[in-house]
N, C-alpha and C. Protein backbone atom coordinates (compact mmCIF):
# COMPACT_ATOMS: atom_id res chain seq x y z
N MET A 1 5.55 -43.14 -46.26
CA MET A 1 5.68 -44.44 -45.66
C MET A 1 6.84 -44.50 -44.68
N GLY A 2 7.68 -43.52 -44.70
CA GLY A 2 8.82 -43.52 -43.80
C GLY A 2 8.42 -43.31 -42.36
N LEU A 3 7.23 -42.74 -42.12
CA LEU A 3 6.79 -42.48 -40.76
C LEU A 3 6.27 -43.74 -40.06
N LEU A 4 5.76 -44.67 -40.80
CA LEU A 4 5.23 -45.89 -40.20
C LEU A 4 6.35 -46.90 -39.99
N LYS A 5 6.65 -47.12 -38.72
CA LYS A 5 7.67 -48.11 -38.38
C LYS A 5 6.97 -49.30 -37.73
N LYS A 6 7.57 -50.44 -37.90
CA LYS A 6 6.99 -51.64 -37.30
C LYS A 6 7.38 -51.68 -35.82
N ILE A 7 6.36 -51.79 -34.95
CA ILE A 7 6.57 -51.88 -33.51
C ILE A 7 6.57 -53.36 -33.13
N LYS A 8 7.57 -53.75 -32.33
CA LYS A 8 7.60 -55.15 -31.89
C LYS A 8 6.52 -55.35 -30.84
N ALA A 9 5.75 -56.37 -31.01
CA ALA A 9 4.68 -56.68 -30.06
C ALA A 9 4.55 -58.19 -29.96
N SER A 10 3.85 -58.60 -28.92
CA SER A 10 3.66 -60.04 -28.75
C SER A 10 2.34 -60.43 -29.42
N THR A 11 2.26 -61.68 -29.74
CA THR A 11 1.04 -62.18 -30.36
C THR A 11 0.00 -62.45 -29.29
N LEU A 12 -1.20 -62.67 -29.73
CA LEU A 12 -2.29 -62.96 -28.80
C LEU A 12 -2.01 -64.25 -28.02
N MET A 13 -1.46 -65.25 -28.67
CA MET A 13 -1.16 -66.52 -28.02
C MET A 13 -0.11 -66.34 -26.92
N GLU A 14 0.92 -65.57 -27.17
CA GLU A 14 1.95 -65.32 -26.14
C GLU A 14 1.35 -64.59 -24.95
N THR A 15 0.49 -63.64 -25.20
CA THR A 15 -0.16 -62.89 -24.12
C THR A 15 -1.05 -63.81 -23.28
N LEU A 16 -1.80 -64.68 -23.91
CA LEU A 16 -2.66 -65.61 -23.18
C LEU A 16 -1.84 -66.59 -22.34
N VAL A 17 -0.76 -67.09 -22.88
CA VAL A 17 0.10 -68.02 -22.13
C VAL A 17 0.70 -67.32 -20.91
N ALA A 18 1.16 -66.11 -21.09
CA ALA A 18 1.74 -65.36 -19.97
C ALA A 18 0.69 -65.08 -18.90
N THR A 19 -0.52 -64.75 -19.33
CA THR A 19 -1.60 -64.49 -18.37
C THR A 19 -1.95 -65.75 -17.60
N VAL A 20 -2.04 -66.87 -18.27
CA VAL A 20 -2.36 -68.13 -17.59
C VAL A 20 -1.26 -68.49 -16.59
N LEU A 21 -0.01 -68.30 -16.96
CA LEU A 21 1.10 -68.60 -16.03
C LEU A 21 1.04 -67.70 -14.80
N ILE A 22 0.76 -66.43 -14.98
CA ILE A 22 0.67 -65.51 -13.84
C ILE A 22 -0.50 -65.90 -12.93
N VAL A 23 -1.63 -66.27 -13.52
CA VAL A 23 -2.78 -66.67 -12.72
C VAL A 23 -2.47 -67.95 -11.93
N ILE A 24 -1.80 -68.90 -12.53
CA ILE A 24 -1.44 -70.14 -11.83
C ILE A 24 -0.49 -69.85 -10.67
N ILE A 25 0.46 -68.96 -10.89
CA ILE A 25 1.40 -68.60 -9.80
C ILE A 25 0.65 -67.93 -8.66
N PHE A 26 -0.28 -67.03 -8.96
CA PHE A 26 -1.05 -66.37 -7.89
C PHE A 26 -1.94 -67.36 -7.15
N ILE A 27 -2.53 -68.31 -7.84
CA ILE A 27 -3.37 -69.31 -7.17
C ILE A 27 -2.53 -70.17 -6.23
N MET A 28 -1.36 -70.61 -6.69
CA MET A 28 -0.49 -71.42 -5.83
C MET A 28 -0.02 -70.62 -4.62
N ALA A 29 0.32 -69.36 -4.80
CA ALA A 29 0.76 -68.52 -3.69
C ALA A 29 -0.36 -68.32 -2.68
N SER A 30 -1.58 -68.12 -3.16
CA SER A 30 -2.70 -67.93 -2.22
C SER A 30 -2.99 -69.22 -1.45
N LEU A 31 -2.86 -70.37 -2.08
CA LEU A 31 -3.07 -71.63 -1.36
C LEU A 31 -2.01 -71.85 -0.28
N VAL A 32 -0.77 -71.51 -0.61
CA VAL A 32 0.30 -71.65 0.38
C VAL A 32 0.07 -70.71 1.55
N LEU A 33 -0.28 -69.46 1.28
CA LEU A 33 -0.53 -68.50 2.36
C LEU A 33 -1.73 -68.92 3.20
N ASN A 34 -2.76 -69.44 2.57
CA ASN A 34 -3.93 -69.92 3.31
C ASN A 34 -3.53 -71.05 4.26
N ASN A 35 -2.70 -71.96 3.80
CA ASN A 35 -2.24 -73.07 4.64
C ASN A 35 -1.40 -72.56 5.81
N VAL A 36 -0.54 -71.60 5.55
CA VAL A 36 0.31 -71.05 6.61
C VAL A 36 -0.54 -70.37 7.67
N PHE A 37 -1.51 -69.55 7.25
CA PHE A 37 -2.34 -68.84 8.21
C PHE A 37 -3.24 -69.77 9.00
N SER A 38 -3.81 -70.77 8.36
CA SER A 38 -4.68 -71.70 9.09
C SER A 38 -3.89 -72.53 10.09
N THR A 39 -2.66 -72.90 9.74
CA THR A 39 -1.81 -73.63 10.69
C THR A 39 -1.46 -72.74 11.88
N ALA A 40 -1.16 -71.49 11.62
CA ALA A 40 -0.83 -70.57 12.71
C ALA A 40 -2.02 -70.37 13.65
N ILE A 41 -3.20 -70.29 13.10
CA ILE A 41 -4.40 -70.11 13.93
C ILE A 41 -4.68 -71.37 14.74
N ASN A 42 -4.54 -72.54 14.14
CA ASN A 42 -4.81 -73.79 14.85
C ASN A 42 -3.80 -74.07 15.95
N ASN A 43 -2.58 -73.61 15.80
CA ASN A 43 -1.55 -73.88 16.80
C ASN A 43 -1.37 -72.75 17.80
N ASP A 44 -2.27 -71.79 17.81
CA ASP A 44 -2.19 -70.68 18.76
C ASP A 44 -2.61 -71.16 20.14
N THR A 45 -1.72 -71.06 21.11
CA THR A 45 -2.01 -71.54 22.47
C THR A 45 -1.94 -70.42 23.51
N ASN A 46 -2.09 -69.17 23.09
CA ASN A 46 -2.00 -68.06 24.04
C ASN A 46 -3.11 -68.11 25.09
N HIS A 47 -4.34 -68.44 24.68
CA HIS A 47 -5.43 -68.53 25.64
C HIS A 47 -5.17 -69.64 26.65
N LEU A 48 -4.65 -70.75 26.18
CA LEU A 48 -4.35 -71.87 27.07
C LEU A 48 -3.23 -71.52 28.04
N GLU A 49 -2.19 -70.85 27.56
CA GLU A 49 -1.08 -70.46 28.45
C GLU A 49 -1.59 -69.52 29.54
N ALA A 50 -2.49 -68.62 29.19
CA ALA A 50 -3.05 -67.71 30.19
C ALA A 50 -3.87 -68.49 31.22
N ARG A 51 -4.64 -69.48 30.76
CA ARG A 51 -5.44 -70.29 31.69
C ARG A 51 -4.55 -71.14 32.59
N LEU A 52 -3.46 -71.68 32.06
CA LEU A 52 -2.54 -72.47 32.89
C LEU A 52 -1.89 -71.60 33.95
N THR A 53 -1.56 -70.37 33.60
CA THR A 53 -1.00 -69.45 34.59
C THR A 53 -2.03 -69.12 35.67
N GLU A 54 -3.28 -68.97 35.27
CA GLU A 54 -4.35 -68.71 36.23
C GLU A 54 -4.54 -69.90 37.16
N ILE A 55 -4.50 -71.11 36.62
CA ILE A 55 -4.63 -72.32 37.46
C ILE A 55 -3.45 -72.43 38.40
N GLU A 56 -2.26 -72.10 37.91
CA GLU A 56 -1.07 -72.11 38.76
C GLU A 56 -1.24 -71.15 39.95
N TYR A 57 -1.78 -69.98 39.68
CA TYR A 57 -2.04 -69.02 40.75
C TYR A 57 -3.06 -69.55 41.73
N LEU A 58 -4.14 -70.15 41.21
CA LEU A 58 -5.18 -70.67 42.10
C LEU A 58 -4.66 -71.80 42.98
N VAL A 59 -3.76 -72.60 42.44
CA VAL A 59 -3.19 -73.69 43.25
C VAL A 59 -2.31 -73.12 44.35
N THR A 60 -1.48 -72.14 44.03
CA THR A 60 -0.60 -71.57 45.05
C THR A 60 -1.38 -70.84 46.13
N GLN A 61 -2.55 -70.31 45.78
CA GLN A 61 -3.40 -69.63 46.76
C GLN A 61 -4.37 -70.58 47.45
N LYS A 62 -4.26 -71.88 47.11
CA LYS A 62 -5.10 -72.93 47.69
C LYS A 62 -6.60 -72.69 47.45
N LYS A 63 -6.92 -72.20 46.26
CA LYS A 63 -8.32 -71.97 45.88
C LYS A 63 -8.93 -73.19 45.21
N ILE A 64 -8.10 -74.07 44.67
CA ILE A 64 -8.61 -75.31 44.09
C ILE A 64 -7.87 -76.48 44.73
N SER A 65 -8.56 -77.61 44.80
CA SER A 65 -7.96 -78.78 45.44
C SER A 65 -7.30 -79.67 44.38
N ILE A 66 -6.33 -80.43 44.84
CA ILE A 66 -5.56 -81.31 43.95
C ILE A 66 -5.98 -82.74 44.25
N PRO A 67 -6.21 -83.58 43.30
CA PRO A 67 -6.08 -83.46 41.85
C PRO A 67 -7.24 -82.64 41.27
N TYR A 68 -6.96 -82.00 40.15
CA TYR A 68 -7.92 -81.10 39.52
C TYR A 68 -7.94 -81.37 38.02
N THR A 69 -9.15 -81.41 37.45
CA THR A 69 -9.32 -81.61 36.00
C THR A 69 -10.40 -80.67 35.50
N GLU A 70 -10.17 -80.10 34.33
CA GLU A 70 -11.18 -79.25 33.72
C GLU A 70 -11.07 -79.32 32.20
N GLU A 71 -12.15 -78.97 31.53
CA GLU A 71 -12.17 -78.84 30.07
C GLU A 71 -12.10 -77.35 29.76
N PHE A 72 -11.11 -76.95 28.98
CA PHE A 72 -10.96 -75.56 28.58
C PHE A 72 -10.89 -75.51 27.06
N GLU A 73 -11.92 -74.95 26.45
CA GLU A 73 -12.06 -74.92 25.00
C GLU A 73 -11.92 -76.35 24.47
N LYS A 74 -10.90 -76.65 23.69
CA LYS A 74 -10.73 -78.02 23.20
C LYS A 74 -9.64 -78.78 23.96
N TRP A 75 -9.22 -78.25 25.10
CA TRP A 75 -8.12 -78.81 25.89
C TRP A 75 -8.65 -79.44 27.16
N THR A 76 -7.99 -80.51 27.60
CA THR A 76 -8.24 -81.11 28.90
C THR A 76 -7.04 -80.79 29.79
N VAL A 77 -7.32 -80.08 30.88
CA VAL A 77 -6.26 -79.63 31.78
C VAL A 77 -6.34 -80.44 33.07
N THR A 78 -5.20 -81.00 33.48
CA THR A 78 -5.16 -81.76 34.73
C THR A 78 -4.01 -81.25 35.59
N VAL A 79 -4.25 -81.25 36.89
CA VAL A 79 -3.22 -80.89 37.87
C VAL A 79 -3.09 -82.08 38.81
N ARG A 80 -1.87 -82.63 38.90
CA ARG A 80 -1.63 -83.80 39.74
C ARG A 80 -0.38 -83.57 40.58
N GLN A 81 -0.34 -84.27 41.70
CA GLN A 81 0.84 -84.24 42.55
C GLN A 81 1.92 -85.10 41.91
N GLY A 82 3.07 -84.50 41.58
CA GLY A 82 4.15 -85.24 40.95
C GLY A 82 4.92 -86.04 41.98
N ASN A 83 5.59 -85.36 42.85
CA ASN A 83 6.21 -85.99 44.01
C ASN A 83 5.99 -85.04 45.19
N ARG A 84 6.81 -85.13 46.19
CA ARG A 84 6.54 -84.38 47.42
C ARG A 84 6.50 -82.88 47.20
N TYR A 85 7.37 -82.35 46.34
CA TYR A 85 7.49 -80.90 46.20
C TYR A 85 7.03 -80.35 44.84
N PHE A 86 6.59 -81.20 43.95
CA PHE A 86 6.25 -80.72 42.61
C PHE A 86 4.81 -81.07 42.25
N LEU A 87 4.20 -80.16 41.50
CA LEU A 87 2.90 -80.41 40.89
C LEU A 87 3.08 -80.44 39.39
N ASN A 88 2.40 -81.34 38.73
CA ASN A 88 2.43 -81.40 37.27
C ASN A 88 1.13 -80.82 36.73
N ILE A 89 1.25 -79.79 35.92
CA ILE A 89 0.10 -79.21 35.23
C ILE A 89 0.23 -79.62 33.77
N GLU A 90 -0.78 -80.30 33.26
CA GLU A 90 -0.70 -80.87 31.92
C GLU A 90 -1.97 -80.53 31.15
N ALA A 91 -1.79 -80.14 29.90
CA ALA A 91 -2.93 -79.86 29.03
C ALA A 91 -2.71 -80.62 27.73
N TYR A 92 -3.72 -81.37 27.31
CA TYR A 92 -3.60 -82.04 26.03
C TYR A 92 -4.85 -81.78 25.20
N ASP A 93 -4.64 -81.77 23.91
CA ASP A 93 -5.69 -81.45 22.96
C ASP A 93 -6.64 -82.62 22.86
N SER A 94 -7.91 -82.41 23.19
CA SER A 94 -8.87 -83.51 23.15
C SER A 94 -9.22 -83.94 21.74
N MET A 95 -9.03 -83.05 20.77
CA MET A 95 -9.36 -83.38 19.38
C MET A 95 -8.24 -84.20 18.72
N LYS A 96 -7.01 -83.71 18.84
CA LYS A 96 -5.90 -84.36 18.14
C LYS A 96 -5.15 -85.32 19.03
N SER A 97 -5.07 -85.02 20.31
CA SER A 97 -4.32 -85.76 21.33
C SER A 97 -2.84 -85.92 20.99
N LYS A 98 -2.34 -85.10 20.07
CA LYS A 98 -0.92 -85.12 19.76
C LYS A 98 -0.20 -84.00 20.50
N LEU A 99 -0.88 -82.89 20.69
CA LEU A 99 -0.27 -81.71 21.28
C LEU A 99 -0.45 -81.74 22.79
N VAL A 100 0.65 -81.71 23.54
CA VAL A 100 0.62 -81.73 25.00
C VAL A 100 1.49 -80.59 25.50
N ILE A 101 0.95 -79.84 26.46
CA ILE A 101 1.71 -78.78 27.11
C ILE A 101 1.83 -79.15 28.58
N GLN A 102 3.06 -79.16 29.07
CA GLN A 102 3.31 -79.55 30.45
C GLN A 102 4.03 -78.44 31.19
N LYS A 103 3.67 -78.28 32.46
CA LYS A 103 4.36 -77.36 33.35
C LYS A 103 4.61 -78.09 34.66
N GLN A 104 5.67 -77.70 35.33
CA GLN A 104 5.94 -78.27 36.64
C GLN A 104 6.05 -77.11 37.61
N LEU A 105 5.39 -77.25 38.75
CA LEU A 105 5.28 -76.17 39.73
C LEU A 105 5.83 -76.66 41.06
N VAL A 106 6.70 -75.87 41.65
CA VAL A 106 7.21 -76.20 42.99
C VAL A 106 6.10 -75.84 43.97
N TYR A 107 5.73 -76.80 44.81
CA TYR A 107 4.56 -76.65 45.65
C TYR A 107 4.83 -77.25 47.02
N GLU A 108 4.42 -76.52 48.04
CA GLU A 108 4.56 -77.03 49.40
C GLU A 108 3.16 -77.22 49.97
N ASN A 109 2.93 -78.39 50.54
CA ASN A 109 1.61 -78.67 51.15
C ASN A 109 1.39 -77.89 52.40
């Protein structure tokens, strides 16, 4: 009987509680990461910035006339004469209408 020693172990209830806690932590972490990634994807404006740069080039090369308006993906892009030497290029989100991107371009007629 000297060879059999009692090994400390956890009970079934302790193991189940620990497993449930770990699962809850992983579920909360996955929800947070999902929210972060979806927000990053929704706020990505790289395509719009490239299109605004293209419109800026077309205006300087006199390929488009001012005032100019277009729909680009979910954005409404407008080009207007600000004052004598400036053009305002503005893009706003047609879905949310909260997000606005503005550029000002020095322009000579």
